[in-house]
Amino acid sequence: MPATDYLSATALAKKTAAALDSLEQGETGKLIILKNNAPKAVLLSFEAYEALEEELEDLRLAALAFARLKTFKPEEAISHEEMLEKFGK
C-alpha cells in the first residue's frame, strides 16, 4: 500500500479540505488515519462508501439465498401460477 494512503490524525486536522478533495477527485481511494503510528480509522469518499455498502448487502443477500437453497424442499413449493392465483396479479 503506498505511503500516500496513510495520514496522521495531526496532518488530517491541518489538511482536512485537501484530504477530502483527494478522496472526492479519486486521487486517493482511501486514507488510513494513524494516531501514535497505529491505524485508527479509514476515510473513504462517499461514493466508495456507498459502493462498499451495496456490495456488502449483495453478499448478505447471496448468503441468505444459498442458506435457503440448502433447506429448499421442491415438494413443498408452489408454482408461479399458484402464487399469482393466491396473491393476485
C-alpha atoms as a PDB file:
ATOM      1  CA  MET A   1       0.000   0.000   0.000  1.00  0.00           C
ATOM      2  CA  PRO A   2       1.501   3.355  -0.995  1.00  0.00           C
ATOM      3  CA  ALA A   3       2.587   5.690   1.774  1.00  0.00           C
ATOM      4  CA  THR A   4       0.164   8.312   0.426  1.00  0.00           C
ATOM      5  CA  ASP A   5      -2.728   6.178   1.714  1.00  0.00           C
ATOM      6  CA  TYR A   6      -1.667   6.873   5.303  1.00  0.00           C
ATOM      7  CA  LEU A   7      -2.245  10.143   7.112  1.00  0.00           C
ATOM      8  CA  SER A   8      -1.615  11.063  10.715  1.00  0.00           C
ATOM      9  CA  ALA A   9      -4.500  12.443  12.749  1.00  0.00           C
ATOM     10  CA  THR A  10      -2.492  15.639  13.189  1.00  0.00           C
ATOM     11  CA  ALA A  11      -1.964  16.022   9.439  1.00  0.00           C
ATOM     12  CA  LEU A  12      -5.666  15.317   8.841  1.00  0.00           C
ATOM     13  CA  ALA A  13      -6.600  18.068  11.273  1.00  0.00           C
ATOM     14  CA  LYS A  14      -4.365  20.507   9.381  1.00  0.00           C
ATOM     15  CA  LYS A  15      -5.224  19.321   5.855  1.00  0.00           C
ATOM     16  CA  THR A  16      -8.851  18.213   6.097  1.00  0.00           C
ATOM     17  CA  ALA A  17     -10.012  20.052   2.980  1.00  0.00           C
ATOM     18  CA  ALA A  18      -7.119  18.722   0.882  1.00  0.00           C
ATOM     19  CA  ALA A  19      -7.693  15.165   2.120  1.00  0.00           C
ATOM     20  CA  LEU A  20     -11.404  15.352   1.297  1.00  0.00           C
ATOM     21  CA  ASP A  21     -10.669  16.799  -2.138  1.00  0.00           C
ATOM     22  CA  SER A  22      -8.194  13.996  -2.836  1.00  0.00           C
ATOM     23  CA  LEU A  23     -10.821  11.392  -1.976  1.00  0.00           C
ATOM     24  CA  GLU A  24     -13.592  13.138  -3.901  1.00  0.00           C
ATOM     25  CA  GLN A  25     -11.483  13.504  -7.045  1.00  0.00           C
ATOM     26  CA  GLY A  26     -10.368   9.871  -6.900  1.00  0.00           C
ATOM     27  CA  GLU A  27      -6.691  10.717  -6.416  1.00  0.00           C
ATOM     28  CA  THR A  28      -6.751   8.528  -3.301  1.00  0.00           C
ATOM     29  CA  GLY A  29      -9.017   5.529  -2.816  1.00  0.00           C
ATOM     30  CA  LYS A  30      -8.870   5.573   0.958  1.00  0.00           C
ATOM     31  CA  LEU A  31      -6.938   7.233   3.727  1.00  0.00           C
ATOM     32  CA  ILE A  32      -5.851   5.248   6.744  1.00  0.00           C
ATOM     33  CA  ILE A  33      -5.715   7.602   9.692  1.00  0.00           C
ATOM     34  CA  LEU A  34      -2.889   6.972  12.155  1.00  0.00           C
ATOM     35  CA  LYS A  35      -2.686   8.013  15.769  1.00  0.00           C
ATOM     36  CA  ASN A  36       0.591   7.329  17.555  1.00  0.00           C
ATOM     37  CA  ASN A  37       1.692   5.471  14.409  1.00  0.00           C
ATOM     38  CA  ALA A  38      -1.157   2.946  14.724  1.00  0.00           C
ATOM     39  CA  PRO A  39      -4.127   2.706  12.330  1.00  0.00           C
ATOM     40  CA  LYS A  40      -7.267   4.075  13.997  1.00  0.00           C
ATOM     41  CA  ALA A  41      -9.735   4.832  11.180  1.00  0.00           C
ATOM     42  CA  VAL A  42     -10.312   4.678   7.435  1.00  0.00           C
ATOM     43  CA  LEU A  43     -11.593   7.633   5.460  1.00  0.00           C
ATOM     44  CA  LEU A  44     -13.409   6.949   2.161  1.00  0.00           C
ATOM     45  CA  SER A  45     -15.207   9.076  -0.374  1.00  0.00           C
ATOM     46  CA  PHE A  46     -18.970   8.896  -0.044  1.00  0.00           C
ATOM     47  CA  GLU A  47     -19.197   7.142  -3.409  1.00  0.00           C
ATOM     48  CA  ALA A  48     -16.698   4.476  -2.292  1.00  0.00           C
ATOM     49  CA  TYR A  49     -18.623   4.022   0.952  1.00  0.00           C
ATOM     50  CA  GLU A  50     -21.920   3.587  -0.909  1.00  0.00           C
ATOM     51  CA  ALA A  51     -20.328   1.047  -3.270  1.00  0.00           C
ATOM     52  CA  LEU A  52     -18.932  -0.862  -0.298  1.00  0.00           C
ATOM     53  CA  GLU A  53     -22.328  -0.875   1.442  1.00  0.00           C
ATOM     54  CA  GLU A  54     -24.061  -2.057  -1.736  1.00  0.00           C
ATOM     55  CA  GLU A  55     -21.553  -4.865  -2.235  1.00  0.00           C
ATOM     56  CA  LEU A  56     -21.945  -5.925   1.383  1.00  0.00           C
ATOM     57  CA  GLU A  57     -25.740  -6.014   1.026  1.00  0.00           C
ATOM     58  CA  ASP A  58     -25.404  -8.082  -2.179  1.00  0.00           C
ATOM     59  CA  LEU A  59     -23.164 -10.558  -0.337  1.00  0.00           C
ATOM     60  CA  ARG A  60     -25.631 -10.786   2.564  1.00  0.00           C
ATOM     61  CA  LEU A  61     -28.487 -11.498   0.155  1.00  0.00           C
ATOM     62  CA  ALA A  62     -26.422 -14.110  -1.692  1.00  0.00           C
ATOM     63  CA  ALA A  63     -25.533 -15.821   1.599  1.00  0.00           C
ATOM     64  CA  LEU A  64     -29.215 -15.834   2.585  1.00  0.00           C
ATOM     65  CA  ALA A  65     -30.208 -17.293  -0.798  1.00  0.00           C
ATOM     66  CA  PHE A  66     -27.601 -20.059  -0.522  1.00  0.00           C
ATOM     67  CA  ALA A  67     -28.719 -20.865   3.031  1.00  0.00           C
ATOM     68  CA  ARG A  68     -32.341 -21.111   1.875  1.00  0.00           C
ATOM     69  CA  LEU A  69     -31.347 -23.367  -1.021  1.00  0.00           C
ATOM     70  CA  LYS A  70     -29.918 -25.857   1.478  1.00  0.00           C
ATOM     71  CA  THR A  71     -33.319 -26.250   3.156  1.00  0.00           C
ATOM     72  CA  PHE A  72     -35.462 -25.936  -0.006  1.00  0.00           C
ATOM     73  CA  LYS A  73     -37.971 -28.760  -0.447  1.00  0.00           C
ATOM     74  CA  PRO A  74     -39.335 -28.832  -4.014  1.00  0.00           C
ATOM     75  CA  GLU A  75     -42.315 -30.967  -2.947  1.00  0.00           C
ATOM     76  CA  GLU A  76     -43.486 -28.153  -0.635  1.00  0.00           C
ATOM     77  CA  ALA A  77     -43.040 -25.383  -3.180  1.00  0.00           C
ATOM     78  CA  ILE A  78     -45.897 -23.860  -5.166  1.00  0.00           C
ATOM     79  CA  SER A  79     -45.754 -22.809  -8.790  1.00  0.00           C
ATOM     80  CA  HIS A  80     -45.666 -19.255 -10.033  1.00  0.00           C
ATOM     81  CA  GLU A  81     -49.198 -19.664 -11.372  1.00  0.00           C
ATOM     82  CA  GLU A  82     -50.424 -20.830  -7.940  1.00  0.00           C
ATOM     83  CA  MET A  83     -48.711 -17.855  -6.333  1.00  0.00           C
ATOM     84  CA  LEU A  84     -50.441 -15.447  -8.726  1.00  0.00           C
ATOM     85  CA  GLU A  85     -53.812 -17.072  -8.052  1.00  0.00           C
ATOM     86  CA  LYS A  86     -53.312 -16.866  -4.309  1.00  0.00           C
ATOM     87  CA  PHE A  87     -51.964 -13.290  -4.122  1.00  0.00           C
ATOM     88  CA  GLY A  88     -53.298 -11.703  -7.311  1.00  0.00           C
ATOM     89  CA  LYS A  89     -51.549 -10.002 -10.152  1.00  0.00           C
END
